[in-house]
Amino acid sequence: MISESNAQHDAGHAPLRVLLIEDSPLIRRSVAEAIDASGVLQVTAYADTSDEAIALLSAEAFDAVIIDLQLKHGSGVPVLAYLQREGLIEKTFAAVLTNHALPAYRERCLQYGVRHFYDKSFEFDRVIDALHDYAEARSVGRQAGV
């Protein structure tokens, strides 16, 4: 579990804080580089187990959470349950990025309120695009005073 509080400022606003729940160092690095490259988003914490992720979510505020379902030790499903139970799923961008993008998994994630479900093998860019769209919408909302 790694948490970084040194977010850089862009145009007077801190980048949106992203928690990345992924147990593969290679994928974690690739996702973090793609997210951080925007300048408006920053991976500020990593977790590679659901327990670590829930501990981070209970201690810090995040604007977005990217969740792998299949972790080395367990599953990302308890994180989805936590987000829903705590009412965070409605106010946090939550996306599942998994190699197990079967319809049954997608349906289960929808039951937890997840609206963004992507296959790592084929839709890596789509999760990054969705995050950028979310960051842009948040920026417009801040400028409008929403």
C-alpha atoms as a PDB file:
ATOM      1  CA  MET A   1       0.000   0.000   0.000  1.00  0.00           C
ATOM      2  CA  ILE A   2       1.485   3.306  -1.081  1.00  0.00           C
ATOM      3  CA  SER A   3       0.007   6.744  -0.578  1.00  0.00           C
ATOM      4  CA  GLU A   4       1.474   9.931  -1.975  1.00  0.00           C
ATOM      5  CA  SER A   5       0.215  13.332  -0.850  1.00  0.00           C
ATOM      6  CA  ASN A   6       2.456  15.456  -3.061  1.00  0.00           C
ATOM      7  CA  ALA A   7      -0.040  16.185  -5.850  1.00  0.00           C
ATOM      8  CA  GLN A   8       1.165  18.906  -8.211  1.00  0.00           C
ATOM      9  CA  HIS A   9      -1.038  21.849  -9.063  1.00  0.00           C
ATOM     10  CA  ASP A  10      -2.359  22.478 -12.581  1.00  0.00           C
ATOM     11  CA  ALA A  11      -4.022  25.777 -13.465  1.00  0.00           C
ATOM     12  CA  GLY A  12      -4.534  26.573  -9.788  1.00  0.00           C
ATOM     13  CA  HIS A  13      -6.223  23.262  -8.975  1.00  0.00           C
ATOM     14  CA  ALA A  14      -4.745  20.109  -7.569  1.00  0.00           C
ATOM     15  CA  PRO A  15      -5.053  17.125  -9.904  1.00  0.00           C
ATOM     16  CA  LEU A  16      -7.919  14.764  -9.161  1.00  0.00           C
ATOM     17  CA  ARG A  17      -6.747  12.048  -6.790  1.00  0.00           C
ATOM     18  CA  VAL A  18      -6.872   8.473  -8.084  1.00  0.00           C
ATOM     19  CA  LEU A  19      -6.581   5.268  -6.049  1.00  0.00           C
ATOM     20  CA  LEU A  20      -5.314   2.396  -8.206  1.00  0.00           C
ATOM     21  CA  ILE A  21      -6.095  -1.113  -6.949  1.00  0.00           C
ATOM     22  CA  GLU A  22      -3.915  -3.428  -9.020  1.00  0.00           C
ATOM     23  CA  ASP A  23      -1.526  -6.200  -7.982  1.00  0.00           C
ATOM     24  CA  SER A  24       0.614  -6.335 -11.143  1.00  0.00           C
ATOM     25  CA  PRO A  25       3.523  -3.864 -10.912  1.00  0.00           C
ATOM     26  CA  LEU A  26       3.794  -3.691 -14.718  1.00  0.00           C
ATOM     27  CA  ILE A  27       0.115  -2.881 -15.243  1.00  0.00           C
ATOM     28  CA  ARG A  28       0.117  -0.537 -12.243  1.00  0.00           C
ATOM     29  CA  ARG A  29       3.013   1.406 -13.767  1.00  0.00           C
ATOM     30  CA  SER A  30       1.375   1.559 -17.224  1.00  0.00           C
ATOM     31  CA  VAL A  31      -1.968   2.741 -15.849  1.00  0.00           C
ATOM     32  CA  ALA A  32      -0.347   5.288 -13.531  1.00  0.00           C
ATOM     33  CA  GLU A  33       1.799   6.738 -16.332  1.00  0.00           C
ATOM     34  CA  ALA A  34      -1.232   7.100 -18.613  1.00  0.00           C
ATOM     35  CA  ILE A  35      -3.300   8.729 -15.862  1.00  0.00           C
ATOM     36  CA  ASP A  36      -0.563  11.055 -14.611  1.00  0.00           C
ATOM     37  CA  ALA A  37       0.323  12.212 -18.153  1.00  0.00           C
ATOM     38  CA  SER A  38      -2.881  14.247 -18.337  1.00  0.00           C
ATOM     39  CA  GLY A  39      -1.797  16.731 -15.688  1.00  0.00           C
ATOM     40  CA  VAL A  40      -5.361  16.854 -14.352  1.00  0.00           C
ATOM     41  CA  LEU A  41      -5.315  13.409 -12.746  1.00  0.00           C
ATOM     42  CA  GLN A  42      -2.750  11.796 -10.487  1.00  0.00           C
ATOM     43  CA  VAL A  43      -2.474   8.339  -8.987  1.00  0.00           C
ATOM     44  CA  THR A  44      -1.862   9.285  -5.365  1.00  0.00           C
ATOM     45  CA  ALA A  45      -2.165   5.812  -3.835  1.00  0.00           C
ATOM     46  CA  TYR A  46      -1.850   2.151  -4.783  1.00  0.00           C
ATOM     47  CA  ALA A  47      -3.185  -0.995  -3.178  1.00  0.00           C
ATOM     48  CA  ASP A  48      -2.743  -4.593  -4.223  1.00  0.00           C
ATOM     49  CA  THR A  49      -5.277  -6.154  -1.838  1.00  0.00           C
ATOM     50  CA  SER A  50      -8.859  -5.262  -1.007  1.00  0.00           C
ATOM     51  CA  ASP A  51      -7.948  -4.799   2.678  1.00  0.00           C
ATOM     52  CA  GLU A  52      -5.277  -2.223   1.777  1.00  0.00           C
ATOM     53  CA  ALA A  53      -7.693  -0.450  -0.559  1.00  0.00           C
ATOM     54  CA  ILE A  54     -10.444  -0.247   2.057  1.00  0.00           C
ATOM     55  CA  ALA A  55      -7.960   1.061   4.634  1.00  0.00           C
ATOM     56  CA  LEU A  56      -6.902   3.806   2.201  1.00  0.00           C
ATOM     57  CA  LEU A  57     -10.510   4.662   1.298  1.00  0.00           C
ATOM     58  CA  SER A  58     -11.434   4.976   4.972  1.00  0.00           C
ATOM     59  CA  ALA A  59      -8.452   7.247   5.680  1.00  0.00           C
ATOM     60  CA  GLU A  60      -8.264   9.472   2.579  1.00  0.00           C
ATOM     61  CA  ALA A  61     -10.561  11.081   0.019  1.00  0.00           C
ATOM     62  CA  PHE A  62     -10.190  10.063  -3.623  1.00  0.00           C
ATOM     63  CA  ASP A  63     -11.895  11.458  -6.696  1.00  0.00           C
ATOM     64  CA  ALA A  64     -11.542   8.213  -8.639  1.00  0.00           C
ATOM     65  CA  VAL A  65     -10.894   4.541  -7.941  1.00  0.00           C
ATOM     66  CA  ILE A  66      -9.668   2.029 -10.536  1.00  0.00           C
ATOM     67  CA  ILE A  67     -10.249  -1.543  -9.381  1.00  0.00           C
ATOM     68  CA  ASP A  68      -8.907  -4.858 -10.647  1.00  0.00           C
ATOM     69  CA  LEU A  69     -11.295  -7.680  -9.775  1.00  0.00           C
ATOM     70  CA  GLN A  70      -8.742 -10.494  -9.584  1.00  0.00           C
ATOM     71  CA  LEU A  71      -6.021  -9.680  -7.076  1.00  0.00           C
ATOM     72  CA  LYS A  72      -3.126 -11.825  -5.909  1.00  0.00           C
ATOM     73  CA  HIS A  73      -4.775 -12.181  -2.511  1.00  0.00           C
ATOM     74  CA  GLY A  74      -8.527 -12.045  -2.982  1.00  0.00           C
ATOM     75  CA  SER A  75     -10.822  -9.948  -5.088  1.00  0.00           C
ATOM     76  CA  GLY A  76     -11.761  -6.339  -5.737  1.00  0.00           C
ATOM     77  CA  VAL A  77     -15.421  -7.105  -4.961  1.00  0.00           C
ATOM     78  CA  PRO A  78     -15.119  -6.186  -1.239  1.00  0.00           C
ATOM     79  CA  VAL A  79     -13.911  -2.746  -2.379  1.00  0.00           C
ATOM     80  CA  LEU A  80     -17.012  -2.337  -4.544  1.00  0.00           C
ATOM     81  CA  ALA A  81     -19.184  -3.375  -1.589  1.00  0.00           C
ATOM     82  CA  TYR A  82     -17.388  -0.849   0.647  1.00  0.00           C
ATOM     83  CA  LEU A  83     -17.837   1.967  -1.880  1.00  0.00           C
ATOM     84  CA  GLN A  84     -21.545   1.195  -2.138  1.00  0.00           C
ATOM     85  CA  ARG A  85     -22.093   0.748   1.620  1.00  0.00           C
ATOM     86  CA  GLU A  86     -20.334   4.025   2.449  1.00  0.00           C
ATOM     87  CA  GLY A  87     -22.200   5.979  -0.247  1.00  0.00           C
ATOM     88  CA  LEU A  88     -18.972   6.681  -2.127  1.00  0.00           C
ATOM     89  CA  ILE A  89     -20.030   4.993  -5.366  1.00  0.00           C
ATOM     90  CA  GLU A  90     -22.314   7.939  -6.219  1.00  0.00           C
ATOM     91  CA  LYS A  91     -19.694  10.649  -5.705  1.00  0.00           C
ATOM     92  CA  THR A  92     -16.519   8.863  -6.804  1.00  0.00           C
ATOM     93  CA  PHE A  93     -15.561   7.812 -10.330  1.00  0.00           C
ATOM     94  CA  ALA A  94     -15.312   4.045  -9.922  1.00  0.00           C
ATOM     95  CA  ALA A  95     -14.073   1.864 -12.767  1.00  0.00           C
ATOM     96  CA  VAL A  96     -13.272  -1.813 -12.978  1.00  0.00           C
ATOM     97  CA  LEU A  97     -10.312  -2.695 -15.206  1.00  0.00           C
ATOM     98  CA  THR A  98      -9.969  -6.470 -15.366  1.00  0.00           C
ATOM     99  CA  ASN A  99      -8.784  -9.411 -17.428  1.00  0.00           C
ATOM    100  CA  HIS A 100     -11.996 -11.172 -16.355  1.00  0.00           C
ATOM    101  CA  ALA A 101     -14.501  -9.114 -18.329  1.00  0.00           C
ATOM    102  CA  LEU A 102     -17.181 -11.776 -18.501  1.00  0.00           C
ATOM    103  CA  PRO A 103     -20.873 -10.781 -18.591  1.00  0.00           C
ATOM    104  CA  ALA A 104     -21.457 -12.270 -15.116  1.00  0.00           C
ATOM    105  CA  TYR A 105     -18.698 -10.088 -13.630  1.00  0.00           C
ATOM    106  CA  ARG A 106     -19.997  -7.018 -15.454  1.00  0.00           C
ATOM    107  CA  GLU A 107     -23.507  -7.667 -14.086  1.00  0.00           C
ATOM    108  CA  ARG A 108     -22.173  -8.092 -10.546  1.00  0.00           C
ATOM    109  CA  CYS A 109     -20.291  -4.803 -10.790  1.00  0.00           C
ATOM    110  CA  LEU A 110     -23.415  -3.050 -12.076  1.00  0.00           C
ATOM    111  CA  GLN A 111     -25.235  -4.307  -8.977  1.00  0.00           C
ATOM    112  CA  TYR A 112     -22.681  -2.406  -6.886  1.00  0.00           C
ATOM    113  CA  GLY A 113     -23.293   0.760  -8.906  1.00  0.00           C
ATOM    114  CA  VAL A 114     -20.184   0.641 -11.107  1.00  0.00           C
ATOM    115  CA  ARG A 115     -20.898   2.293 -14.452  1.00  0.00           C
ATOM    116  CA  HIS A 116     -17.417   1.831 -15.944  1.00  0.00           C
ATOM    117  CA  PHE A 117     -16.285  -1.743 -16.640  1.00  0.00           C
ATOM    118  CA  TYR A 118     -13.340  -2.385 -18.964  1.00  0.00           C
ATOM    119  CA  ASP A 119     -11.339  -5.331 -20.264  1.00  0.00           C
ATOM    120  CA  LYS A 120      -7.606  -4.756 -19.656  1.00  0.00           C
ATOM    121  CA  SER A 121      -6.680  -6.589 -22.837  1.00  0.00           C
ATOM    122  CA  PHE A 122      -8.865  -4.573 -25.207  1.00  0.00           C
ATOM    123  CA  GLU A 123     -10.146  -1.444 -23.462  1.00  0.00           C
ATOM    124  CA  PHE A 124      -7.169  -0.006 -21.589  1.00  0.00           C
ATOM    125  CA  ASP A 125      -7.454   3.301 -23.470  1.00  0.00           C
ATOM    126  CA  ARG A 126     -11.184   3.541 -22.786  1.00  0.00           C
ATOM    127  CA  VAL A 127     -10.730   3.699 -19.009  1.00  0.00           C
ATOM    128  CA  ILE A 128      -8.147   6.468 -19.454  1.00  0.00           C
ATOM    129  CA  ASP A 129     -10.515   8.347 -21.796  1.00  0.00           C
ATOM    130  CA  ALA A 130     -13.388   7.966 -19.311  1.00  0.00           C
ATOM    131  CA  LEU A 131     -11.187   9.330 -16.517  1.00  0.00           C
ATOM    132  CA  HIS A 132     -10.208  12.322 -18.652  1.00  0.00           C
ATOM    133  CA  ASP A 133     -13.877  12.985 -19.464  1.00  0.00           C
ATOM    134  CA  TYR A 134     -14.667  12.828 -15.742  1.00  0.00           C
ATOM    135  CA  ALA A 135     -11.808  15.213 -14.905  1.00  0.00           C
ATOM    136  CA  GLU A 136     -12.940  17.630 -17.612  1.00  0.00           C
ATOM    137  CA  ALA A 137     -16.532  17.582 -16.339  1.00  0.00           C
ATOM    138  CA  ARG A 138     -15.307  18.202 -12.774  1.00  0.00           C
ATOM    139  CA  SER A 139     -13.145  21.101 -13.993  1.00  0.00           C
ATOM    140  CA  VAL A 140     -16.089  22.693 -15.809  1.00  0.00           C
ATOM    141  CA  GLY A 141     -18.185  22.225 -12.665  1.00  0.00           C
ATOM    142  CA  ARG A 142     -15.533  23.943 -10.528  1.00  0.00           C
ATOM    143  CA  GLN A 143     -15.296  26.853 -12.970  1.00  0.00           C
ATOM    144  CA  ALA A 144     -19.084  27.228 -12.930  1.00  0.00           C
ATOM    145  CA  GLY A 145     -19.071  27.130  -9.136  1.00  0.00           C
ATOM    146  CA  VAL A 146     -20.892  23.812  -8.940  1.00  0.00           C
END
